C-alpha atoms as a PDB file:
ATOM      1  CA  MET A   1      10.313 -13.607  -4.699  1.00  0.00           C
ATOM      2  CA  THR A   2      12.465 -11.189  -6.678  1.00  0.00           C
ATOM      3  CA  TYR A   3      13.048  -7.547  -5.795  1.00  0.00           C
ATOM      4  CA  ARG A   4      13.096  -5.305  -8.827  1.00  0.00           C
ATOM      5  CA  PHE A   5      15.918  -2.870  -8.049  1.00  0.00           C
ATOM      6  CA  PHE A   6      17.784  -4.013  -4.939  1.00  0.00           C
ATOM      7  CA  THR A   7      17.945  -6.925  -2.512  1.00  0.00           C
ATOM      8  CA  PRO A   8      17.287  -5.937   1.111  1.00  0.00           C
ATOM      9  CA  ALA A   9      19.437  -7.134   3.976  1.00  0.00           C
ATOM     10  CA  ARG A  10      18.407 -10.484   5.437  1.00  0.00           C
ATOM     11  CA  ALA A  11      15.741 -10.253   8.106  1.00  0.00           C
ATOM     12  CA  SER A  12      17.907 -12.361  10.439  1.00  0.00           C
ATOM     13  CA  ALA A  13      20.561  -9.613  10.404  1.00  0.00           C
ATOM     14  CA  ALA A  14      18.162  -6.819  11.431  1.00  0.00           C
ATOM     15  CA  THR A  15      18.813  -4.708  14.505  1.00  0.00           C
ATOM     16  CA  GLY A  16      17.078  -1.850  16.298  1.00  0.00           C
ATOM     17  CA  LEU A  17      13.697  -0.664  15.052  1.00  0.00           C
ATOM     18  CA  THR A  18      13.687  -3.005  12.057  1.00  0.00           C
ATOM     19  CA  ALA A  19      14.267  -6.017  14.316  1.00  0.00           C
ATOM     20  CA  GLU A  20      11.292  -4.921  16.438  1.00  0.00           C
ATOM     21  CA  VAL A  21       9.083  -4.656  13.351  1.00  0.00           C
ATOM     22  CA  TYR A  22      10.146  -8.126  12.212  1.00  0.00           C
ATOM     23  CA  ARG A  23       9.410  -9.512  15.690  1.00  0.00           C
ATOM     24  CA  GLN A  24       5.831  -8.252  15.491  1.00  0.00           C
ATOM     25  CA  LEU A  25       5.482  -9.539  11.936  1.00  0.00           C
ATOM     26  CA  ARG A  26       6.532 -13.003  13.107  1.00  0.00           C
ATOM     27  CA  ASP A  27       4.183 -12.882  16.098  1.00  0.00           C
ATOM     28  CA  GLU A  28       1.130 -11.449  14.393  1.00  0.00           C
ATOM     29  CA  PHE A  29       1.289 -11.797  10.619  1.00  0.00           C
ATOM     30  CA  LEU A  30       3.085 -14.056   8.142  1.00  0.00           C
ATOM     31  CA  GLY A  31       6.634 -13.178   9.153  1.00  0.00           C
ATOM     32  CA  PRO A  32       8.952 -10.591   7.527  1.00  0.00           C
ATOM     33  CA  VAL A  33       7.131 -10.578   4.184  1.00  0.00           C
ATOM     34  CA  PRO A  34       8.846  -9.001   1.120  1.00  0.00           C
ATOM     35  CA  THR A  35       6.904  -5.726   1.323  1.00  0.00           C
ATOM     36  CA  PHE A  36       8.365  -4.911   4.712  1.00  0.00           C
ATOM     37  CA  GLN A  37      11.795  -6.204   3.823  1.00  0.00           C
ATOM     38  CA  ALA A  38      11.868  -3.761   0.886  1.00  0.00           C
ATOM     39  CA  LEU A  39      10.886  -0.929   3.246  1.00  0.00           C
ATOM     40  CA  SER A  40      13.640  -1.840   5.711  1.00  0.00           C
ATOM     41  CA  ALA A  41      15.951   0.593   3.907  1.00  0.00           C
ATOM     42  CA  VAL A  42      13.974   3.334   5.726  1.00  0.00           C
ATOM     43  CA  PRO A  43      13.188   1.917   9.196  1.00  0.00           C
ATOM     44  CA  GLU A  44      10.829   4.693  10.337  1.00  0.00           C
ATOM     45  CA  LEU A  45       8.760   4.266   7.160  1.00  0.00           C
ATOM     46  CA  GLN A  46       8.792   0.483   7.532  1.00  0.00           C
ATOM     47  CA  ALA A  47       7.588   0.751  11.152  1.00  0.00           C
ATOM     48  CA  ALA A  48       4.823   3.229  10.308  1.00  0.00           C
ATOM     49  CA  THR A  49       3.596   1.172   7.344  1.00  0.00           C
ATOM     50  CA  TRP A  50       3.499  -1.980   9.469  1.00  0.00           C
ATOM     51  CA  ALA A  51       1.661  -0.098  12.221  1.00  0.00           C
ATOM     52  CA  LEU A  52      -0.952   1.142   9.757  1.00  0.00           C
ATOM     53  CA  MET A  53      -1.507  -2.295   8.249  1.00  0.00           C
ATOM     54  CA  ARG A  54      -1.641  -3.952  11.664  1.00  0.00           C
ATOM     55  CA  GLU A  55      -4.034  -1.487  13.273  1.00  0.00           C
ATOM     56  CA  ALA A  56      -6.256  -1.323  10.167  1.00  0.00           C
ATOM     57  CA  LEU A  57      -6.305  -4.886   8.848  1.00  0.00           C
ATOM     58  CA  LEU A  58      -5.506  -7.105  11.823  1.00  0.00           C
ATOM     59  CA  ALA A  59      -6.509  -5.480  15.127  1.00  0.00           C
ATOM     60  CA  GLY A  60      -9.860  -4.592  16.637  1.00  0.00           C
ATOM     61  CA  ASP A  61     -13.381  -5.955  16.350  1.00  0.00           C
ATOM     62  CA  ALA A  62     -14.297  -5.077  12.748  1.00  0.00           C
ATOM     63  CA  SER A  63     -14.918  -8.083  10.519  1.00  0.00           C
ATOM     64  CA  ARG A  64     -11.582  -9.449   9.293  1.00  0.00           C
ATOM     65  CA  VAL A  65     -13.376 -10.857   6.242  1.00  0.00           C
ATOM     66  CA  ASP A  66     -14.651  -7.383   5.339  1.00  0.00           C
ATOM     67  CA  ARG A  67     -11.171  -5.963   5.718  1.00  0.00           C
ATOM     68  CA  GLU A  68      -9.513  -8.681   3.645  1.00  0.00           C
ATOM     69  CA  LEU A  69     -12.210  -8.148   1.018  1.00  0.00           C
ATOM     70  CA  VAL A  70     -11.406  -4.422   0.901  1.00  0.00           C
ATOM     71  CA  ALA A  71      -7.653  -5.110   0.757  1.00  0.00           C
ATOM     72  CA  ALA A  72      -8.104  -7.514  -2.163  1.00  0.00           C
ATOM     73  CA  VAL A  73     -10.487  -5.256  -4.105  1.00  0.00           C
ATOM     74  CA  VAL A  74      -8.392  -2.097  -3.665  1.00  0.00           C
ATOM     75  CA  SER A  75      -5.414  -4.132  -4.850  1.00  0.00           C
ATOM     76  CA  ARG A  76      -7.453  -5.244  -7.854  1.00  0.00           C
ATOM     77  CA  ALA A  77      -8.411  -1.632  -8.621  1.00  0.00           C
ATOM     78  CA  ASN A  78      -4.738  -0.644  -8.430  1.00  0.00           C
ATOM     79  CA  ARG A  79      -3.657  -3.617 -10.576  1.00  0.00           C
ATOM     80  CA  CYS A  80      -1.333  -4.926  -7.874  1.00  0.00           C
ATOM     81  CA  ARG A  81      -1.347  -8.613  -8.757  1.00  0.00           C
ATOM     82  CA  PHE A  82       0.966  -9.554  -5.879  1.00  0.00           C
ATOM     83  CA  CYS A  83      -1.383  -8.013  -3.282  1.00  0.00           C
ATOM     84  CA  VAL A  84      -4.534  -9.441  -4.878  1.00  0.00           C
ATOM     85  CA  ASP A  85      -3.035 -12.929  -4.715  1.00  0.00           C
ATOM     86  CA  ALA A  86      -1.904 -12.473  -1.099  1.00  0.00           C
ATOM     87  CA  HIS A  87      -5.297 -11.273   0.155  1.00  0.00           C
ATOM     88  CA  VAL A  88      -7.293 -13.798  -1.851  1.00  0.00           C
ATOM     89  CA  MET A  89      -5.161 -16.415  -0.073  1.00  0.00           C
ATOM     90  CA  LEU A  90      -5.968 -14.800   3.276  1.00  0.00           C
ATOM     91  CA  LEU A  91      -9.703 -14.919   2.447  1.00  0.00           C
ATOM     92  CA  HIS A  92      -9.188 -18.664   1.988  1.00  0.00           C
ATOM     93  CA  ALA A  93      -7.398 -18.706   5.366  1.00  0.00           C
ATOM     94  CA  LEU A  94     -10.530 -17.203   6.929  1.00  0.00           C
ATOM     95  CA  GLY A  95     -12.643 -19.989   5.427  1.00  0.00           C
ATOM     96  CA  GLU A  96     -14.211 -17.766   2.749  1.00  0.00           C
ATOM     97  CA  HIS A  97     -13.354 -20.048  -0.168  1.00  0.00           C
ATOM     98  CA  ALA A  98     -16.187 -19.099  -2.519  1.00  0.00           C
ATOM     99  CA  LEU A  99     -15.754 -15.370  -1.848  1.00  0.00           C
ATOM    100  CA  ALA A 100     -12.002 -15.643  -2.416  1.00  0.00           C
ATOM    101  CA  GLU A 101     -12.475 -17.211  -5.838  1.00  0.00           C
ATOM    102  CA  VAL A 102     -15.100 -14.650  -6.879  1.00  0.00           C
ATOM    103  CA  ILE A 103     -12.610 -11.874  -6.115  1.00  0.00           C
ATOM    104  CA  ALA A 104      -9.759 -13.741  -7.815  1.00  0.00           C
ATOM    105  CA  ARG A 105     -11.855 -13.924 -10.996  1.00  0.00           C
ATOM    106  CA  GLY A 106     -12.587 -10.189 -10.870  1.00  0.00           C
ATOM    107  CA  GLY A 107     -16.216 -10.693  -9.931  1.00  0.00           C
ATOM    108  CA  THR A 108     -18.683  -9.207  -7.452  1.00  0.00           C
ATOM    109  CA  PRO A 109     -20.006 -11.239  -4.508  1.00  0.00           C
ATOM    110  CA  PRO A 110     -23.712 -12.144  -4.665  1.00  0.00           C
ATOM    111  CA  GLU A 111     -24.273 -11.094  -1.035  1.00  0.00           C
ATOM    112  CA  PRO A 112     -25.565  -7.485  -1.172  1.00  0.00           C
ATOM    113  CA  ARG A 113     -23.559  -6.095   1.750  1.00  0.00           C
ATOM    114  CA  GLN A 114     -20.311  -7.527   0.384  1.00  0.00           C
ATOM    115  CA  ALA A 115     -21.187  -6.286  -3.106  1.00  0.00           C
ATOM    116  CA  GLU A 116     -21.650  -2.771  -1.687  1.00  0.00           C
ATOM    117  CA  LEU A 117     -18.272  -3.001   0.038  1.00  0.00           C
ATOM    118  CA  VAL A 118     -16.640  -4.088  -3.225  1.00  0.00           C
ATOM    119  CA  ALA A 119     -18.219  -1.189  -5.140  1.00  0.00           C
ATOM    120  CA  TRP A 120     -17.034   1.274  -2.476  1.00  0.00           C
ATOM    121  CA  ALA A 121     -13.480  -0.042  -2.563  1.00  0.00           C
ATOM    122  CA  GLU A 122     -13.312  -0.066  -6.365  1.00  0.00           C
ATOM    123  CA  ALA A 123     -14.618   3.499  -6.631  1.00  0.00           C
ATOM    124  CA  SER A 124     -11.852   4.815  -4.388  1.00  0.00           C
ATOM    125  CA  ARG A 125      -9.296   4.564  -7.197  1.00  0.00           C
ATOM    126  CA  ASN A 126     -11.012   7.577  -8.842  1.00  0.00           C
ATOM    127  CA  PRO A 127     -12.573   9.333  -5.844  1.00  0.00           C
ATOM    128  CA  ALA A 128     -13.313  12.685  -7.488  1.00  0.00           C
ATOM    129  CA  THR A 129     -14.937  11.141 -10.555  1.00  0.00           C
ATOM    130  CA  ALA A 130     -16.934   8.722  -8.420  1.00  0.00           C
ATOM    131  CA  ALA A 131     -17.923  11.376  -5.838  1.00  0.00           C
ATOM    132  CA  TRP A 132     -16.564   8.814  -3.396  1.00  0.00           C
ATOM    133  CA  THR A 133     -16.990   9.253   0.343  1.00  0.00           C
ATOM    134  CA  GLY A 134     -16.310   7.290   3.497  1.00  0.00           C
ATOM    135  CA  ARG A 135     -19.171   5.199   4.752  1.00  0.00           C
ATOM    136  CA  HIS A 136     -17.393   2.582   6.813  1.00  0.00           C
ATOM    137  CA  GLY A 137     -15.712   2.476  10.200  1.00  0.00           C
ATOM    138  CA  PRO A 138     -12.122   3.383  11.053  1.00  0.00           C
ATOM    139  CA  GLU A 139     -10.513  -0.036  10.578  1.00  0.00           C
ATOM    140  CA  VAL A 140     -12.214  -0.695   7.226  1.00  0.00           C
ATOM    141  CA  THR A 141     -11.388   2.819   6.006  1.00  0.00           C
ATOM    142  CA  GLY A 142      -7.836   2.462   7.309  1.00  0.00           C
ATOM    143  CA  THR A 143      -7.457  -0.820   5.434  1.00  0.00           C
ATOM    144  CA  LEU A 144      -8.525   0.832   2.202  1.00  0.00           C
ATOM    145  CA  LEU A 145      -6.025   3.669   2.620  1.00  0.00           C
ATOM    146  CA  ALA A 146      -3.264   1.334   3.791  1.00  0.00           C
ATOM    147  CA  PHE A 147      -3.534  -0.682   0.616  1.00  0.00           C
ATOM    148  CA  HIS A 148      -3.637   2.318  -1.680  1.00  0.00           C
ATOM    149  CA  PHE A 149      -0.185   3.014  -0.243  1.00  0.00           C
ATOM    150  CA  ILE A 150       1.104  -0.559   0.024  1.00  0.00           C
ATOM    151  CA  ASN A 151      -0.058  -1.545  -3.478  1.00  0.00           C
ATOM    152  CA  ARG A 152       2.086   1.188  -4.966  1.00  0.00           C
ATOM    153  CA  ILE A 153       5.150   0.267  -2.899  1.00  0.00           C
ATOM    154  CA  VAL A 154       4.776  -3.382  -3.878  1.00  0.00           C
ATOM    155  CA  SER A 155       4.172  -2.744  -7.577  1.00  0.00           C
ATOM    156  CA  ALA A 156       7.192  -0.436  -7.736  1.00  0.00           C
ATOM    157  CA  LEU A 157       9.702  -2.528  -5.789  1.00  0.00           C
ATOM    158  CA  LEU A 158       8.648  -6.197  -6.107  1.00  0.00           C
ATOM    159  CA  ASP A 159       8.047  -8.593  -8.965  1.00  0.00           C
ATOM    160  CA  PRO A 160       4.352  -9.455  -9.273  1.00  0.00           C
ATOM    161  CA  ASP A 161       4.539 -13.191  -8.563  1.00  0.00           C
ATOM    162  CA  LEU A 162       3.936 -14.195  -4.952  1.00  0.00           C
ATOM    163  CA  LEU A 163       5.126 -17.749  -5.703  1.00  0.00           C
ATOM    164  CA  PRO A 164       7.496 -19.069  -8.425  1.00  0.00           C
ATOM    165  CA  GLY A 165       5.869 -19.226 -11.839  1.00  0.00           C
ATOM    166  CA  GLY A 166       2.706 -17.558 -10.593  1.00  0.00           C
ATOM    167  CA  LEU A 167       1.595 -20.748  -8.786  1.00  0.00           C
ATOM    168  CA  GLN A 168      -0.576 -18.677  -6.435  1.00  0.00           C
ATOM    169  CA  ARG A 169      -3.032 -18.121  -9.294  1.00  0.00           C
ATOM    170  CA  SER A 170      -4.064 -21.777  -9.138  1.00  0.00           C
ATOM    171  CA  PRO A 171      -7.295 -22.127  -7.102  1.00  0.00           C
ATOM    172  CA  LEU A 172      -5.921 -25.288  -5.514  1.00  0.00           C
ATOM    173  CA  VAL A 173      -2.687 -23.580  -4.444  1.00  0.00           C
ATOM    174  CA  ARG A 174      -4.653 -20.600  -3.090  1.00  0.00           C
ATOM    175  CA  SER A 175      -6.890 -22.861  -1.040  1.00  0.00           C
ATOM    176  CA  VAL A 176      -4.045 -24.981   0.341  1.00  0.00           C
ATOM    177  CA  GLY A 177      -1.961 -21.867   1.081  1.00  0.00           C
ATOM    178  CA  GLY A 178      -4.886 -20.333   2.893  1.00  0.00           C
ATOM    179  CA  ARG A 179      -5.247 -23.353   5.137  1.00  0.00           C
ATOM    180  CA  LEU A 180      -1.576 -23.086   6.106  1.00  0.00           C
ATOM    181  CA  TYR A 181      -2.188 -19.547   7.387  1.00  0.00           C
ATOM    182  CA  ALA A 182      -5.622 -20.163   8.907  1.00  0.00           C
ATOM    183  CA  ARG A 183      -4.545 -20.068  12.536  1.00  0.00           C
ATOM    184  CA  ALA A 184      -2.502 -16.882  12.177  1.00  0.00           C
ATOM    185  CA  ALA A 185      -5.290 -15.154  10.225  1.00  0.00           C
ATOM    186  CA  ARG A 186      -7.985 -15.950  12.767  1.00  0.00           C
ATOM    187  CA  GLU A 187      -6.204 -15.047  15.994  1.00  0.00           C
ATOM    188  CA  PRO A 188      -7.536 -11.774  17.467  1.00  0.00           C
ATOM    189  CA  LYS A 189      -5.047  -8.914  17.752  1.00  0.00           C
ATOM    190  CA  GLU A 190      -5.126  -6.301  20.492  1.00  0.00           C
ATOM    191  CA  PRO A 191      -5.332  -2.720  19.111  1.00  0.00           C
ATOM    192  CA  GLY A 192      -2.400  -0.387  19.717  1.00  0.00           C
ATOM    193  CA  ARG A 193       0.486  -2.821  20.141  1.00  0.00           C
ATOM    194  CA  SER A 194       2.359  -1.333  17.189  1.00  0.00           C
ATOM    195  CA  LEU A 195       2.191   2.279  18.393  1.00  0.00           C
ATOM    196  CA  PRO A 196       5.354   2.118  20.566  1.00  0.00           C
ATOM    197  CA  LEU A 197       7.292   1.588  17.315  1.00  0.00           C
ATOM    198  CA  LEU A 198       6.325   5.053  16.081  1.00  0.00           C
ATOM    199  CA  ASP A 199       7.921   8.461  16.540  1.00  0.00           C
ATOM    200  CA  ALA A 200       5.742  10.675  18.700  1.00  0.00           C
ATOM    201  CA  GLY A 201       5.042  13.448  16.213  1.00  0.00           C
ATOM    202  CA  PRO A 202       2.792  16.498  16.252  1.00  0.00           C
ATOM    203  CA  THR A 203       0.590  15.358  13.349  1.00  0.00           C
ATOM    204  CA  ALA A 204      -3.043  14.944  14.419  1.00  0.00           C
ATOM    205  CA  PRO A 205      -4.864  11.724  13.493  1.00  0.00           C
ATOM    206  CA  PRO A 206      -7.449  12.116  10.702  1.00  0.00           C
ATOM    207  CA  ALA A 207     -11.104  12.694  11.515  1.00  0.00           C
ATOM    208  CA  TRP A 208     -12.249   9.411   9.933  1.00  0.00           C
ATOM    209  CA  ALA A 209     -10.290   7.442  12.561  1.00  0.00           C
ATOM    210  CA  GLY A 210     -11.897   8.860  15.683  1.00  0.00           C
ATOM    211  CA  ASP A 211      -9.785   7.859  18.682  1.00  0.00           C
ATOM    212  CA  ARG A 212      -8.691   4.489  17.265  1.00  0.00           C
ATOM    213  CA  PRO A 213      -4.999   3.549  17.046  1.00  0.00           C
ATOM    214  CA  VAL A 214      -5.333   3.272  13.266  1.00  0.00           C
ATOM    215  CA  GLY A 215      -5.517   7.080  13.068  1.00  0.00           C
ATOM    216  CA  VAL A 216      -2.192   7.525  14.873  1.00  0.00           C
ATOM    217  CA  ALA A 217      -0.631   4.912  12.598  1.00  0.00           C
ATOM    218  CA  PHE A 218      -1.970   6.575   9.437  1.00  0.00           C
ATOM    219  CA  ALA A 219      -0.684   9.999  10.511  1.00  0.00           C
ATOM    220  CA  SER A 220       2.739   8.495  11.221  1.00  0.00           C
ATOM    221  CA  MET A 221       2.905   6.690   7.865  1.00  0.00           C
ATOM    222  CA  ARG A 222       1.823   9.809   6.014  1.00  0.00           C
ATOM    223  CA  ALA A 223       4.426  11.990   7.744  1.00  0.00           C
ATOM    224  CA  ALA A 224       7.230   9.480   7.136  1.00  0.00           C
ATOM    225  CA  ALA A 225       6.337   9.028   3.477  1.00  0.00           C
ATOM    226  CA  LEU A 226       5.902  12.738   2.742  1.00  0.00           C
ATOM    227  CA  ARG A 227       9.520  13.313   3.811  1.00  0.00           C
ATOM    228  CA  GLY A 228      10.512  11.722   0.534  1.00  0.00           C
ATOM    229  CA  GLY A 229       9.317  14.896  -1.155  1.00  0.00           C
ATOM    230  CA  ASP A 230      12.379  16.628   0.319  1.00  0.00           C
ATOM    231  CA  LEU A 231      14.418  14.841  -2.355  1.00  0.00           C
ATOM    232  CA  LEU A 232      12.721  17.032  -4.981  1.00  0.00           C
ATOM    233  CA  GLY A 233      12.523  20.778  -5.516  1.00  0.00           C
ATOM    234  CA  ASP A 234       9.401  22.909  -5.209  1.00  0.00           C
ATOM    235  CA  VAL A 235       8.462  22.790  -8.900  1.00  0.00           C
ATOM    236  CA  ALA A 236       8.836  19.018  -8.953  1.00  0.00           C
ATOM    237  CA  ARG A 237       6.675  18.537  -5.868  1.00  0.00           C
ATOM    238  CA  ARG A 238       3.993  20.859  -7.219  1.00  0.00           C
ATOM    239  CA  THR A 239       4.006  18.896 -10.485  1.00  0.00           C
ATOM    240  CA  VAL A 240       3.468  15.599  -8.679  1.00  0.00           C
ATOM    241  CA  GLU A 241       0.765  16.926  -6.365  1.00  0.00           C
ATOM    242  CA  ALA A 242      -1.151  18.810  -9.067  1.00  0.00           C
ATOM    243  CA  THR A 243      -1.039  15.838 -11.436  1.00  0.00           C
ATOM    244  CA  VAL A 244      -2.432  13.542  -8.754  1.00  0.00           C
ATOM    245  CA  ARG A 245      -5.338  15.945  -8.225  1.00  0.00           C
ATOM    246  CA  TRP A 246      -6.305  16.482 -11.837  1.00  0.00           C
ATOM    247  CA  GLU A 247      -5.713  12.960 -13.159  1.00  0.00           C
ATOM    248  CA  ASP A 248      -7.804  11.432 -10.316  1.00  0.00           C
ATOM    249  CA  GLY A 249      -6.290   7.957 -10.383  1.00  0.00           C
ATOM    250  CA  HIS A 250      -6.640   7.217 -14.090  1.00  0.00           C
ATOM    251  CA  PHE A 251      -4.229   4.683 -15.586  1.00  0.00           C
ATOM    252  CA  PRO A 252      -2.064   6.211 -18.334  1.00  0.00           C
ATOM    253  CA  ALA A 253      -2.345   4.190 -21.537  1.00  0.00           C
ATOM    254  CA  ARG A 254       1.398   4.516 -22.110  1.00  0.00           C
ATOM    255  CA  PRO A 255       2.883   5.396 -18.706  1.00  0.00           C
ATOM    256  CA  ALA A 256       6.469   5.981 -19.841  1.00  0.00           C
ATOM    257  CA  ASP A 257       5.460   8.493 -22.539  1.00  0.00           C
ATOM    258  CA  TRP A 258       2.891  10.115 -20.271  1.00  0.00           C
ATOM    259  CA  ALA A 259       5.480  10.737 -17.548  1.00  0.00           C
ATOM    260  CA  VAL A 260       8.037  12.137 -20.011  1.00  0.00           C
ATOM    261  CA  ASP A 261       5.515  14.728 -21.227  1.00  0.00           C
ATOM    262  CA  LEU A 262       4.640  15.816 -17.690  1.00  0.00           C
ATOM    263  CA  VAL A 263       8.216  16.532 -16.582  1.00  0.00           C
ATOM    264  CA  ARG A 264       9.262  18.688 -19.560  1.00  0.00           C
ATOM    265  CA  ASP A 265       8.979  21.905 -17.542  1.00  0.00           C
ATOM    266  CA  VAL A 266      10.640  20.528 -14.396  1.00  0.00           C
ATOM    267  CA  PRO A 267      14.261  21.597 -13.804  1.00  0.00           C
ATOM    268  CA  GLY A 268      16.637  19.111 -15.377  1.00  0.00           C
ATOM    269  CA  THR A 269      18.113  17.892 -12.105  1.00  0.00           C
ATOM    270  CA  ASP A 270      14.643  16.879 -10.880  1.00  0.00           C
ATOM    271  CA  ARG A 271      13.205  15.302 -14.027  1.00  0.00           C
ATOM    272  CA  VAL A 272      14.031  11.679 -13.352  1.00  0.00           C
ATOM    273  CA  GLY A 273      12.957  11.934  -9.698  1.00  0.00           C
ATOM    274  CA  THR A 274       9.669  13.570 -10.678  1.00  0.00           C
ATOM    275  CA  ARG A 275       9.092  10.887 -13.298  1.00  0.00           C
ATOM    276  CA  ILE A 276       9.620   8.102 -10.745  1.00  0.00           C
ATOM    277  CA  ALA A 277       7.323   9.788  -8.209  1.00  0.00           C
ATOM    278  CA  LEU A 278       4.589  10.247 -10.828  1.00  0.00           C
ATOM    279  CA  LEU A 279       4.840   6.643 -11.936  1.00  0.00           C
ATOM    280  CA  ALA A 280       4.756   5.523  -8.291  1.00  0.00           C
ATOM    281  CA  ALA A 281       1.457   7.387  -7.917  1.00  0.00           C
ATOM    282  CA  PHE A 282      -0.213   6.123 -11.103  1.00  0.00           C
ATOM    283  CA  ALA A 283       1.540   3.114 -12.655  1.00  0.00           C
ATOM    284  CA  PRO A 284       4.312   1.960 -10.315  1.00  0.00           C
ATOM    285  CA  SER A 285       5.125  -1.225 -12.196  1.00  0.00           C
ATOM    286  CA  ALA A 286       6.171   0.996 -15.126  1.00  0.00           C
ATOM    287  CA  ILE A 287       9.180   2.357 -13.207  1.00  0.00           C
ATOM    288  CA  SER A 288      12.063   0.933 -15.218  1.00  0.00           C
ATOM    289  CA  VAL A 289      15.619  -0.192 -14.560  1.00  0.00           C
ATOM    290  CA  GLY A 290      16.691   2.781 -16.694  1.00  0.00           C
ATOM    291  CA  ASP A 291      14.727   5.240 -14.548  1.00  0.00           C
ATOM    292  CA  VAL A 292      16.344   3.882 -11.407  1.00  0.00           C
ATOM    293  CA  ALA A 293      19.836   3.853 -12.943  1.00  0.00           C
ATOM    294  CA  LEU A 294      19.511   7.544 -13.815  1.00  0.00           C
ATOM    295  CA  TRP A 295      18.215   8.354 -10.324  1.00  0.00           C
ATOM    296  CA  ARG A 296      21.116   6.502  -8.730  1.00  0.00           C
ATOM    297  CA  LEU A 297      23.644   8.722 -10.517  1.00  0.00           C
ATOM    298  CA  SER A 298      22.834  11.398  -7.953  1.00  0.00           C
ATOM    299  CA  HIS A 299      21.181   9.250  -5.221  1.00  0.00           C
ATOM    300  CA  PRO A 300      23.054   5.934  -5.082  1.00  0.00           C
ATOM    301  CA  GLY A 301      21.541   4.551  -1.883  1.00  0.00           C
ATOM    302  CA  ASP A 302      18.527   2.231  -1.685  1.00  0.00           C
ATOM    303  CA  ALA A 303      16.962   4.399   1.036  1.00  0.00           C
ATOM    304  CA  ASP A 304      16.471   7.412  -1.253  1.00  0.00           C
ATOM    305  CA  LEU A 305      14.808   5.260  -3.899  1.00  0.00           C
ATOM    306  CA  VAL A 306      12.384   3.894  -1.302  1.00  0.00           C
ATOM    307  CA  ARG A 307      11.707   7.406   0.023  1.00  0.00           C
ATOM    308  CA  LEU A 308      10.981   8.713  -3.473  1.00  0.00           C
ATOM    309  CA  VAL A 309       8.609   5.862  -4.307  1.00  0.00           C
ATOM    310  CA  ALA A 310       6.889   6.337  -0.941  1.00  0.00           C
ATOM    311  CA  TYR A 311       6.395  10.035  -1.675  1.00  0.00           C
ATOM    312  CA  GLY A 312       4.610   9.266  -4.943  1.00  0.00           C
ATOM    313  CA  ALA A 313       2.563   6.534  -3.268  1.00  0.00           C
ATOM    314  CA  VAL A 314       1.453   8.671  -0.334  1.00  0.00           C
ATOM    315  CA  THR A 315       0.546  11.597  -2.586  1.00  0.00           C
ATOM    316  CA  ALA A 316      -1.892   9.306  -4.408  1.00  0.00           C
ATOM    317  CA  THR A 317      -3.150   7.888  -1.094  1.00  0.00           C
ATOM    318  CA  ASP A 318      -3.710  11.414   0.235  1.00  0.00           C
ATOM    319  CA  HIS A 319      -5.877  12.182  -2.783  1.00  0.00           C
ATOM    320  CA  VAL A 320      -8.145   9.301  -1.767  1.00  0.00           C
ATOM    321  CA  ALA A 321      -8.093  10.298   1.903  1.00  0.00           C
ATOM    322  CA  ARG A 322      -9.127  13.887   1.139  1.00  0.00           C
ATOM    323  CA  ALA A 323     -12.277  12.604  -0.505  1.00  0.00           C
ATOM    324  CA  LEU A 324     -13.493  11.040   2.731  1.00  0.00           C
ATOM    325  CA  SER A 325     -16.552  12.723   4.185  1.00  0.00           C
ATOM    326  CA  ALA A 326     -16.795  12.661   7.979  1.00  0.00           C
ATOM    327  CA  ALA A 327     -20.556  12.991   7.667  1.00  0.00           C
ATOM    328  CA  HIS A 328     -20.730   9.496   6.192  1.00  0.00           C
ATOM    329  CA  LEU A 329     -18.603   7.725   8.834  1.00  0.00           C
END
């Protein structure tokens, strides 16, 4: 695994909150995976993102297969190859070998209920165009929103290959890898165990979550990620937020040129930051070494880069979340 712009500190050297997050990752997931190592530059964001993924994807009584299916399909809609490969492998770990390979090929499952779930997850990339609403329970909905955020973090900060040379795209490797993780994937997880990692903030959980821990985790992730907007001025933030609303998740044909055009009226000191945030929202893999080098002239630390990417990612995720209709939950 290669990180695109910086190499995080080794997980074995972690202390404090980050060490606690890694402990839960070892106990309940696949260990300190690269996504969370990249986020370790901002421990409160790392903890909140882990809490959201745990409470949405892993904990509670909702079907884990349904949730892994949603995670894989949202990742496919967002063109996050790394996340598609990871969650196809986890479908194999759950014993869903045929379903995993259908999703890996970009197909739709023949089982009607799963096909409906796939269509719902795919439509969420363009929620306004699709008149998309929520029609699933808190953990499934939380999984969908978690991966709209995580996909963008991963595509911005990590190389797309889960294994060297893209080996994870071999059906045999996917199946064998899934079997290695079968026990961890199938163990039930108690809801709420991640919540002590979070700051107790005033933000209310969203209506779609009811009283489930996933709502507290989502509110915490959203608050932590939105703080990245403080790195930009008012005009820059308005540009990012308005663009996310009117473009409704479309993929720019030429992301670099598209972003340059959008930041022409932004004050010069904010142009590169606005460009990175916009790309994080729409086409995160298009963030370039040159973009990051220019950003680092005024913000040399890894933490500010992670915060900026998270701001773009959560702005796009918020656009999806606003389209949820409580009447359909």
